[in-house]
Amino acid sequence: MKLSTRNVIKGKVLEIKEGTVAAKVKVDIGAGNVVTAMITVEAVKELALKTGDQVNVLVKATSVMLMKE
């Protein structure tokens, strides 16, 4: 599969919390860093995701914002 996304980070699924429609998936990307993705419960099932799975985190956004007070 070819994708235009250039920000690809390998990681391991730490936790999956399923809601009614969306699921919060926490992925350990190393060095104490965790990325949290919100995806559909349907996607979790289609990908057969489970804790401990090796995954690729793909980031494609038109903007990324940070704020510090």
Protein backbone atom coordinates (compact mmCIF):
# COMPACT_ATOMS: atom_id res chain seq x y z
CA MET A 1 0.00 0.00 0.00
CA LYS A 2 1.32 3.44 -0.90
CA LEU A 3 0.33 6.55 1.03
CA SER A 4 1.16 10.23 0.69
CA THR A 5 1.55 10.57 4.45
CA ARG A 6 5.18 11.30 5.37
CA ASN A 7 4.86 11.26 9.16
CA VAL A 8 4.87 7.55 10.00
CA ILE A 9 5.86 6.45 13.51
CA LYS A 10 6.14 2.83 14.60
CA GLY A 11 4.66 1.92 17.96
CA LYS A 12 2.92 -0.61 20.18
CA VAL A 13 -0.72 -0.45 21.30
CA LEU A 14 -0.85 0.17 25.06
CA GLU A 15 -4.57 0.55 25.61
CA ILE A 16 -7.88 0.59 23.76
CA LYS A 17 -10.96 2.19 25.33
CA GLU A 18 -14.07 1.64 23.25
CA GLY A 19 -17.07 3.91 23.50
CA THR A 20 -20.34 3.64 21.63
CA VAL A 21 -18.99 5.00 18.34
CA ALA A 22 -15.37 6.05 18.92
CA ALA A 23 -12.38 4.35 20.50
CA LYS A 24 -9.34 5.92 22.17
CA VAL A 25 -6.18 4.03 21.23
CA LYS A 26 -2.95 4.79 23.10
CA VAL A 27 0.26 3.88 21.29
CA ASP A 28 3.75 3.80 22.84
CA ILE A 29 6.13 5.31 20.27
CA GLY A 30 9.22 4.93 22.42
CA ALA A 31 11.36 7.07 24.73
CA GLY A 32 8.42 7.46 27.12
CA ASN A 33 6.18 9.03 24.45
CA VAL A 34 2.57 8.01 23.89
CA VAL A 35 0.32 9.06 21.01
CA THR A 36 -3.45 8.87 21.46
CA ALA A 37 -5.65 8.34 18.41
CA MET A 38 -9.44 8.60 18.26
CA ILE A 39 -10.78 6.17 15.69
CA THR A 40 -14.12 4.49 15.13
CA VAL A 41 -15.01 1.30 16.98
CA GLU A 42 -15.67 -0.17 13.53
CA ALA A 43 -12.03 0.56 12.56
CA VAL A 44 -10.78 -1.16 15.75
CA LYS A 45 -12.76 -4.24 14.77
CA GLU A 46 -11.75 -4.16 11.08
CA LEU A 47 -8.07 -3.86 12.05
CA ALA A 48 -8.53 -6.50 14.80
CA LEU A 49 -6.56 -4.20 17.10
CA LYS A 50 -5.55 -5.46 20.51
CA THR A 51 -3.18 -4.41 23.25
CA GLY A 52 0.41 -5.30 22.37
CA ASP A 53 -0.07 -5.05 18.59
CA GLN A 54 2.67 -3.35 16.59
CA VAL A 55 1.17 -0.52 14.53
CA ASN A 56 2.18 2.46 12.45
CA VAL A 57 0.88 5.86 13.54
CA LEU A 58 0.23 8.03 10.48
CA VAL A 59 -0.04 11.79 11.02
CA LYS A 60 -1.40 14.02 8.28
CA ALA A 61 -2.82 17.36 9.29
CA THR A 62 -3.19 20.78 7.76
CA SER A 63 -2.32 22.33 11.09
CA VAL A 64 -0.94 21.34 14.47
CA MET A 65 -1.46 23.73 17.35
CA LEU A 66 0.24 24.10 20.72
CA MET A 67 -0.60 26.44 23.59
CA LYS A 68 1.17 27.20 26.82
CA GLU A 69 0.01 29.67 29.43
